[in-house]
Amino acid sequence: DIFKAGMWVGVIVVIAVIGLIIWLISRFR
């Protein structure tokens, strides 16, 4: 689905997911 939407959408989604994971880890610590 990311490749169908385009490269920049994929980059934004990946950055958002990484940010979400970092935020969740910081909340659990």
Full PDB file with SEQRES, HELIX, SHEET, SSBOND, CRYST1, ORIGX, SCALE, CONECT and MASTER records, all heavy atoms in Angstrom:
SEQRES   1 A   29  ASP ILE PHE LYS ALA GLY MET TRP VAL GLY VAL ILE VAL          
SEQRES   2 A   29  VAL ILE ALA VAL ILE GLY LEU ILE ILE TRP LEU ILE SER          
SEQRES   3 A   29  ARG PHE ARG                                                  
HELIX    1 AA1 ILE A    2  ALA A    5  1                                   4    
HELIX    2 AA2 MET A    7  PHE A   28  1                                  22    
CRYST1    1.000    1.000    1.000  90.00  90.00  90.00 P 1           1          
ORIGX1      1.000000  0.000000  0.000000        0.00000                         
ORIGX2      0.000000  1.000000  0.000000        0.00000                         
ORIGX3      0.000000  0.000000  1.000000        0.00000                         
SCALE1      1.000000  0.000000  0.000000        0.00000                         
SCALE2      0.000000  1.000000  0.000000        0.00000                         
SCALE3      0.000000  0.000000  1.000000        0.00000                         
ATOM      1  N   ASP A   1       0.820  -1.208   0.000  1.00  0.00           N  
ATOM      2  CA  ASP A   1       0.000   0.000   0.000  1.00  0.00           C  
ATOM      3  C   ASP A   1       0.855   1.259   0.000  1.00  0.00           C  
ATOM      4  O   ASP A   1       0.515   2.250  -0.638  1.00  0.00           O  
ATOM      5  CB  ASP A   1      -0.921   0.009   1.223  1.00  0.00           C  
ATOM      6  CG  ASP A   1      -2.009  -1.050   1.125  1.00  0.00           C  
ATOM      7  OD1 ASP A   1      -2.271  -1.524   0.001  1.00  0.00           O  
ATOM      8  OD2 ASP A   1      -2.578  -1.400   2.175  1.00  0.00           O  
ATOM      9  N   ILE A   2       1.973   1.211   0.719  1.00  0.00           N  
ATOM     10  CA  ILE A   2       2.866   2.370   0.753  1.00  0.00           C  
ATOM     11  C   ILE A   2       3.444   2.643  -0.634  1.00  0.00           C  
ATOM     12  O   ILE A   2       3.500   3.782  -1.091  1.00  0.00           O  
ATOM     13  CB  ILE A   2       3.986   2.155   1.794  1.00  0.00           C  
ATOM     14  CG1 ILE A   2       3.405   2.249   3.204  1.00  0.00           C  
ATOM     15  CG2 ILE A   2       5.110   3.174   1.613  1.00  0.00           C  
ATOM     16  CD1 ILE A   2       4.372   1.868   4.298  1.00  0.00           C  
ATOM     17  N   PHE A   3       3.844   1.591  -1.343  1.00  0.00           N  
ATOM     18  CA  PHE A   3       4.409   1.799  -2.676  1.00  0.00           C  
ATOM     19  C   PHE A   3       3.352   2.285  -3.654  1.00  0.00           C  
ATOM     20  O   PHE A   3       3.646   3.040  -4.583  1.00  0.00           O  
ATOM     21  CB  PHE A   3       5.069   0.525  -3.196  1.00  0.00           C  
ATOM     22  CG  PHE A   3       6.465   0.339  -2.668  1.00  0.00           C  
ATOM     23  CD1 PHE A   3       6.771  -0.725  -1.849  1.00  0.00           C  
ATOM     24  CD2 PHE A   3       7.473   1.229  -2.996  1.00  0.00           C  
ATOM     25  CE1 PHE A   3       8.049  -0.901  -1.353  1.00  0.00           C  
ATOM     26  CE2 PHE A   3       8.758   1.071  -2.514  1.00  0.00           C  
ATOM     27  CZ  PHE A   3       9.044  -0.001  -1.693  1.00  0.00           C  
ATOM     28  N   LYS A   4       2.105   1.869  -3.470  1.00  0.00           N  
ATOM     29  CA  LYS A   4       1.036   2.373  -4.332  1.00  0.00           C  
ATOM     30  C   LYS A   4       0.807   3.861  -4.081  1.00  0.00           C  
ATOM     31  O   LYS A   4       0.493   4.605  -5.004  1.00  0.00           O  
ATOM     32  CB  LYS A   4      -0.260   1.605  -4.062  1.00  0.00           C  
ATOM     33  CG  LYS A   4      -0.275   0.229  -4.632  1.00  0.00           C  
ATOM     34  CD  LYS A   4      -1.595  -0.459  -4.312  1.00  0.00           C  
ATOM     35  CE  LYS A   4      -1.554  -1.907  -4.700  1.00  0.00           C  
ATOM     36  NZ  LYS A   4      -2.771  -2.623  -4.278  1.00  0.00           N  
ATOM     37  N   ALA A   5       0.924   4.299  -2.853  1.00  0.00           N  
ATOM     38  CA  ALA A   5       0.662   5.696  -2.511  1.00  0.00           C  
ATOM     39  C   ALA A   5       1.792   6.622  -2.945  1.00  0.00           C  
ATOM     40  O   ALA A   5       1.567   7.794  -3.193  1.00  0.00           O  
ATOM     41  CB  ALA A   5       0.436   5.828  -1.007  1.00  0.00           C  
ATOM     42  N   GLY A   6       2.994   6.107  -3.004  1.00  0.00           N  
ATOM     43  CA  GLY A   6       4.120   6.934  -3.415  1.00  0.00           C  
ATOM     44  C   GLY A   6       5.232   6.932  -2.383  1.00  0.00           C  
ATOM     45  O   GLY A   6       5.032   6.592  -1.218  1.00  0.00           O  
ATOM     46  N   MET A   7       6.417   7.320  -2.859  1.00  0.00           N  
ATOM     47  CA  MET A   7       7.596   7.241  -2.006  1.00  0.00           C  
ATOM     48  C   MET A   7       7.514   8.202  -0.822  1.00  0.00           C  
ATOM     49  O   MET A   7       7.829   7.832   0.308  1.00  0.00           O  
ATOM     50  CB  MET A   7       8.854   7.544  -2.822  1.00  0.00           C  
ATOM     51  CG  MET A   7      10.124   7.386  -2.008  1.00  0.00           C  
ATOM     52  SD  MET A   7      11.589   7.852  -2.919  1.00  0.00           S  
ATOM     53  CE  MET A   7      11.565   9.617  -2.736  1.00  0.00           C  
ATOM     54  N   TRP A   8       7.083   9.437  -1.031  1.00  0.00           N  
ATOM     55  CA  TRP A   8       7.087  10.414   0.059  1.00  0.00           C  
ATOM     56  C   TRP A   8       6.066  10.072   1.125  1.00  0.00           C  
ATOM     57  O   TRP A   8       6.301  10.300   2.309  1.00  0.00           O  
ATOM     58  CB  TRP A   8       6.884  11.816  -0.484  1.00  0.00           C  
ATOM     59  CG  TRP A   8       8.117  12.288  -1.173  1.00  0.00           C  
ATOM     60  CD1 TRP A   8       8.279  12.492  -2.511  1.00  0.00           C  
ATOM     61  CD2 TRP A   8       9.387  12.557  -0.574  1.00  0.00           C  
ATOM     62  NE1 TRP A   8       9.568  12.877  -2.761  1.00  0.00           N  
ATOM     63  CE2 TRP A   8      10.271  12.930  -1.601  1.00  0.00           C  
ATOM     64  CE3 TRP A   8       9.869  12.516   0.728  1.00  0.00           C  
ATOM     65  CZ2 TRP A   8      11.589  13.259  -1.359  1.00  0.00           C  
ATOM     66  CZ3 TRP A   8      11.189  12.837   0.973  1.00  0.00           C  
ATOM     67  CH2 TRP A   8      12.027  13.213  -0.065  1.00  0.00           C  
ATOM     68  N   VAL A   9       4.942   9.522   0.711  1.00  0.00           N  
ATOM     69  CA  VAL A   9       3.959   9.071   1.700  1.00  0.00           C  
ATOM     70  C   VAL A   9       4.566   7.949   2.531  1.00  0.00           C  
ATOM     71  O   VAL A   9       4.403   7.894   3.753  1.00  0.00           O  
ATOM     72  CB  VAL A   9       2.665   8.610   1.005  1.00  0.00           C  
ATOM     73  CG1 VAL A   9       1.708   8.002   2.013  1.00  0.00           C  
ATOM     74  CG2 VAL A   9       2.007   9.767   0.282  1.00  0.00           C  
ATOM     75  N   GLY A  10       5.307   7.063   1.886  1.00  0.00           N  
ATOM     76  CA  GLY A  10       5.979   5.982   2.598  1.00  0.00           C  
ATOM     77  C   GLY A  10       6.997   6.494   3.591  1.00  0.00           C  
ATOM     78  O   GLY A  10       7.089   5.999   4.714  1.00  0.00           O  
ATOM     79  N   VAL A  11       7.761   7.509   3.196  1.00  0.00           N  
ATOM     80  CA  VAL A  11       8.753   8.092   4.098  1.00  0.00           C  
ATOM     81  C   VAL A  11       8.061   8.706   5.310  1.00  0.00           C  
ATOM     82  O   VAL A  11       8.488   8.516   6.452  1.00  0.00           O  
ATOM     83  CB  VAL A  11       9.608   9.146   3.348  1.00  0.00           C  
ATOM     84  CG1 VAL A  11      10.455   9.946   4.308  1.00  0.00           C  
ATOM     85  CG2 VAL A  11      10.472   8.466   2.303  1.00  0.00           C  
ATOM     86  N   ILE A  12       6.973   9.424   5.081  1.00  0.00           N  
ATOM     87  CA  ILE A  12       6.236  10.052   6.181  1.00  0.00           C  
ATOM     88  C   ILE A  12       5.659   8.994   7.119  1.00  0.00           C  
ATOM     89  O   ILE A  12       5.723   9.135   8.348  1.00  0.00           O  
ATOM     90  CB  ILE A  12       5.137  10.981   5.626  1.00  0.00           C  
ATOM     91  CG1 ILE A  12       5.780  12.176   4.935  1.00  0.00           C  
ATOM     92  CG2 ILE A  12       4.186  11.432   6.721  1.00  0.00           C  
ATOM     93  CD1 ILE A  12       4.826  13.026   4.142  1.00  0.00           C  
ATOM     94  N   VAL A  13       5.114   7.917   6.558  1.00  0.00           N  
ATOM     95  CA  VAL A  13       4.544   6.846   7.381  1.00  0.00           C  
ATOM     96  C   VAL A  13       5.631   6.187   8.223  1.00  0.00           C  
ATOM     97  O   VAL A  13       5.441   5.927   9.416  1.00  0.00           O  
ATOM     98  CB  VAL A  13       3.806   5.813   6.501  1.00  0.00           C  
ATOM     99  CG1 VAL A  13       3.453   4.572   7.289  1.00  0.00           C  
ATOM    100  CG2 VAL A  13       2.563   6.426   5.897  1.00  0.00           C  
ATOM    101  N   VAL A  14       6.783   5.917   7.628  1.00  0.00           N  
ATOM    102  CA  VAL A  14       7.880   5.283   8.369  1.00  0.00           C  
ATOM    103  C   VAL A  14       8.354   6.185   9.505  1.00  0.00           C  
ATOM    104  O   VAL A  14       8.559   5.727  10.632  1.00  0.00           O  
ATOM    105  CB  VAL A  14       9.040   4.929   7.412  1.00  0.00           C  
ATOM    106  CG1 VAL A  14      10.281   4.541   8.182  1.00  0.00           C  
ATOM    107  CG2 VAL A  14       8.623   3.801   6.482  1.00  0.00           C  
ATOM    108  N   ILE A  15       8.511   7.469   9.234  1.00  0.00           N  
ATOM    109  CA  ILE A  15       8.933   8.408  10.278  1.00  0.00           C  
ATOM    110  C   ILE A  15       7.880   8.475  11.386  1.00  0.00           C  
ATOM    111  O   ILE A  15       8.220   8.503  12.577  1.00  0.00           O  
ATOM    112  CB  ILE A  15       9.210   9.799   9.674  1.00  0.00           C  
ATOM    113  CG1 ILE A  15      10.464   9.740   8.800  1.00  0.00           C  
ATOM    114  CG2 ILE A  15       9.354  10.858  10.756  1.00  0.00           C  
ATOM    115  CD1 ILE A  15      10.723  10.990   7.997  1.00  0.00           C  
ATOM    116  N   ALA A  16       6.606   8.472  11.010  1.00  0.00           N  
ATOM    117  CA  ALA A  16       5.541   8.526  12.017  1.00  0.00           C  
ATOM    118  C   ALA A  16       5.544   7.267  12.886  1.00  0.00           C  
ATOM    119  O   ALA A  16       5.377   7.347  14.113  1.00  0.00           O  
ATOM    120  CB  ALA A  16       4.190   8.691  11.329  1.00  0.00           C  
ATOM    121  N   VAL A  17       5.749   6.105  12.281  1.00  0.00           N  
ATOM    122  CA  VAL A  17       5.771   4.858  13.050  1.00  0.00           C  
ATOM    123  C   VAL A  17       6.968   4.827  13.993  1.00  0.00           C  
ATOM    124  O   VAL A  17       6.841   4.444  15.161  1.00  0.00           O  
ATOM    125  CB  VAL A  17       5.775   3.636  12.103  1.00  0.00           C  
ATOM    126  CG1 VAL A  17       6.078   2.347  12.851  1.00  0.00           C  
ATOM    127  CG2 VAL A  17       4.440   3.529  11.386  1.00  0.00           C  
ATOM    128  N   ILE A  18       8.128   5.254  13.517  1.00  0.00           N  
ATOM    129  CA  ILE A  18       9.316   5.290  14.375  1.00  0.00           C  
ATOM    130  C   ILE A  18       9.098   6.267  15.532  1.00  0.00           C  
ATOM    131  O   ILE A  18       9.431   5.972  16.684  1.00  0.00           O  
ATOM    132  CB  ILE A  18      10.567   5.655  13.553  1.00  0.00           C  
ATOM    133  CG1 ILE A  18      10.923   4.508  12.616  1.00  0.00           C  
ATOM    134  CG2 ILE A  18      11.750   5.984  14.460  1.00  0.00           C  
ATOM    135  CD1 ILE A  18      12.008   4.833  11.619  1.00  0.00           C  
ATOM    136  N   GLY A  19       8.518   7.414  15.247  1.00  0.00           N  
ATOM    137  CA  GLY A  19       8.214   8.377  16.302  1.00  0.00           C  
ATOM    138  C   GLY A  19       7.237   7.818  17.319  1.00  0.00           C  
ATOM    139  O   GLY A  19       7.388   8.016  18.528  1.00  0.00           O  
ATOM    140  N   LEU A  20       6.226   7.096  16.854  1.00  0.00           N  
ATOM    141  CA  LEU A  20       5.256   6.474  17.757  1.00  0.00           C  
ATOM    142  C   LEU A  20       5.911   5.439  18.652  1.00  0.00           C  
ATOM    143  O   LEU A  20       5.653   5.392  19.860  1.00  0.00           O  
ATOM    144  CB  LEU A  20       4.124   5.836  16.954  1.00  0.00           C  
ATOM    145  CG  LEU A  20       3.049   5.118  17.760  1.00  0.00           C  
ATOM    146  CD1 LEU A  20       2.268   6.119  18.600  1.00  0.00           C  
ATOM    147  CD2 LEU A  20       2.136   4.348  16.840  1.00  0.00           C  
ATOM    148  N   ILE A  21       6.787   4.638  18.089  1.00  0.00           N  
ATOM    149  CA  ILE A  21       7.490   3.617  18.878  1.00  0.00           C  
ATOM    150  C   ILE A  21       8.372   4.275  19.930  1.00  0.00           C  
ATOM    151  O   ILE A  21       8.383   3.859  21.090  1.00  0.00           O  
ATOM    152  CB  ILE A  21       8.302   2.687  17.955  1.00  0.00           C  
ATOM    153  CG1 ILE A  21       7.349   1.818  17.122  1.00  0.00           C  
ATOM    154  CG2 ILE A  21       9.255   1.814  18.761  1.00  0.00           C  
ATOM    155  CD1 ILE A  21       8.020   1.033  16.032  1.00  0.00           C  
ATOM    156  N   ILE A  22       9.107   5.324  19.555  1.00  0.00           N  
ATOM    157  CA  ILE A  22       9.966   6.025  20.516  1.00  0.00           C  
ATOM    158  C   ILE A  22       9.117   6.654  21.616  1.00  0.00           C  
ATOM    159  O   ILE A  22       9.458   6.586  22.797  1.00  0.00           O  
ATOM    160  CB  ILE A  22      10.829   7.078  19.796  1.00  0.00           C  
ATOM    161  CG1 ILE A  22      11.865   6.378  18.919  1.00  0.00           C  
ATOM    162  CG2 ILE A  22      11.503   8.022  20.789  1.00  0.00           C  
ATOM    163  CD1 ILE A  22      12.616   7.309  17.995  1.00  0.00           C  
ATOM    164  N   TRP A  23       7.979   7.245  21.252  1.00  0.00           N  
ATOM    165  CA  TRP A  23       7.094   7.847  22.240  1.00  0.00           C  
ATOM    166  C   TRP A  23       6.544   6.802  23.211  1.00  0.00           C  
ATOM    167  O   TRP A  23       6.503   7.020  24.416  1.00  0.00           O  
ATOM    168  CB  TRP A  23       5.950   8.570  21.523  1.00  0.00           C  
ATOM    169  CG  TRP A  23       4.977   9.205  22.455  1.00  0.00           C  
ATOM    170  CD1 TRP A  23       5.147  10.342  23.172  1.00  0.00           C  
ATOM    171  CD2 TRP A  23       3.685   8.715  22.760  1.00  0.00           C  
ATOM    172  NE1 TRP A  23       4.027  10.589  23.901  1.00  0.00           N  
ATOM    173  CE2 TRP A  23       3.103   9.615  23.675  1.00  0.00           C  
ATOM    174  CE3 TRP A  23       2.935   7.622  22.342  1.00  0.00           C  
ATOM    175  CZ2 TRP A  23       1.820   9.451  24.181  1.00  0.00           C  
ATOM    176  CZ3 TRP A  23       1.669   7.443  22.850  1.00  0.00           C  
ATOM    177  CH2 TRP A  23       1.129   8.345  23.756  1.00  0.00           C  
ATOM    178  N   LEU A  24       6.127   5.636  22.680  1.00  0.00           N  
ATOM    179  CA  LEU A  24       5.621   4.576  23.557  1.00  0.00           C  
ATOM    180  C   LEU A  24       6.691   4.047  24.494  1.00  0.00           C  
ATOM    181  O   LEU A  24       6.420   3.821  25.674  1.00  0.00           O  
ATOM    182  CB  LEU A  24       5.057   3.420  22.710  1.00  0.00           C  
ATOM    183  CG  LEU A  24       3.717   3.690  22.044  1.00  0.00           C  
ATOM    184  CD1 LEU A  24       3.366   2.560  21.075  1.00  0.00           C  
ATOM    185  CD2 LEU A  24       2.627   3.855  23.098  1.00  0.00           C  
ATOM    186  N   ILE A  25       7.903   3.878  23.990  1.00  0.00           N  
ATOM    187  CA  ILE A  25       8.987   3.394  24.836  1.00  0.00           C  
ATOM    188  C   ILE A  25       9.289   4.408  25.936  1.00  0.00           C  
ATOM    189  O   ILE A  25       9.487   4.045  27.090  1.00  0.00           O  
ATOM    190  CB  ILE A  25      10.250   3.088  23.994  1.00  0.00           C  
ATOM    191  CG1 ILE A  25       9.995   1.854  23.127  1.00  0.00           C  
ATOM    192  CG2 ILE A  25      11.469   2.881  24.882  1.00  0.00           C  
ATOM    193  CD1 ILE A  25      11.086   1.586  22.118  1.00  0.00           C  
ATOM    194  N   SER A  26       9.292   5.687  25.592  1.00  0.00           N  
ATOM    195  CA  SER A  26       9.582   6.707  26.607  1.00  0.00           C  
ATOM    196  C   SER A  26       8.475   6.765  27.659  1.00  0.00           C  
ATOM    197  O   SER A  26       8.749   7.038  28.818  1.00  0.00           O  
ATOM    198  CB  SER A  26       9.773   8.072  25.959  1.00  0.00           C  
ATOM    199  OG  SER A  26       8.550   8.552  25.431  1.00  0.00           O  
ATOM    200  N   ARG A  27       7.244   6.489  27.293  1.00  0.00           N  
ATOM    201  CA  ARG A  27       6.140   6.492  28.274  1.00  0.00           C  
ATOM    202  C   ARG A  27       6.226   5.307  29.213  1.00  0.00           C  
ATOM    203  O   ARG A  27       5.869   5.410  30.379  1.00  0.00           O  
ATOM    204  CB  ARG A  27       4.794   6.459  27.549  1.00  0.00           C  
ATOM    205  CG  ARG A  27       4.543   7.730  26.812  1.00  0.00           C  
ATOM    206  CD  ARG A  27       3.181   8.208  26.825  1.00  0.00           C  
ATOM    207  NE  ARG A  27       2.325   7.670  27.849  1.00  0.00           N  
ATOM    208  CZ  ARG A  27       1.348   8.325  28.382  1.00  0.00           C  
ATOM    209  NH1 ARG A  27       1.130   9.549  28.002  1.00  0.00           N  
ATOM    210  NH2 ARG A  27       0.547   7.782  29.271  1.00  0.00           N  
ATOM    211  N   PHE A  28       6.673   4.149  28.723  1.00  0.00           N  
ATOM    212  CA  PHE A  28       6.745   2.964  29.560  1.00  0.00           C  
ATOM    213  C   PHE A  28       7.949   2.983  30.496  1.00  0.00           C  
ATOM    214  O   PHE A  28       7.984   2.290  31.482  1.00  0.00           O  
ATOM    215  CB  PHE A  28       6.792   1.689  28.710  1.00  0.00           C  
ATOM    216  CG  PHE A  28       5.448   1.315  28.157  1.00  0.00           C  
ATOM    217  CD1 PHE A  28       5.262   1.181  26.796  1.00  0.00           C  
ATOM    218  CD2 PHE A  28       4.374   1.104  28.982  1.00  0.00           C  
ATOM    219  CE1 PHE A  28       4.027   0.838  26.270  1.00  0.00           C  
ATOM    220  CE2 PHE A  28       3.132   0.763  28.489  1.00  0.00           C  
ATOM    221  CZ  PHE A  28       2.957   0.627  27.127  1.00  0.00           C  
ATOM    222  N   ARG A  29       8.962   3.775  30.208  1.00  0.00           N  
ATOM    223  CA  ARG A  29      10.160   3.822  31.050  1.00  0.00           C  
ATOM    224  C   ARG A  29       9.948   4.642  32.311  1.00  0.00           C  
ATOM    225  O   ARG A  29      10.728   4.540  33.235  1.00  0.00           O  
ATOM    226  CB  ARG A  29      11.342   4.389  30.276  1.00  0.00           C  
ATOM    227  CG  ARG A  29      11.836   3.400  29.248  1.00  0.00           C  
ATOM    228  CD  ARG A  29      13.163   3.823  28.743  1.00  0.00           C  
ATOM    229  NE  ARG A  29      13.627   2.776  27.838  1.00  0.00           N  
ATOM    230  CZ  ARG A  29      14.871   2.400  27.766  1.00  0.00           C  
ATOM    231  NH1 ARG A  29      15.774   2.974  28.516  1.00  0.00           N  
ATOM    232  NH2 ARG A  29      15.217   1.457  26.937  1.00  0.00           N  
TER     233      ARG A  29                                                      
MASTER        0    0    0    2    0    0    0    6  232    1    0    3          
END                                                                             
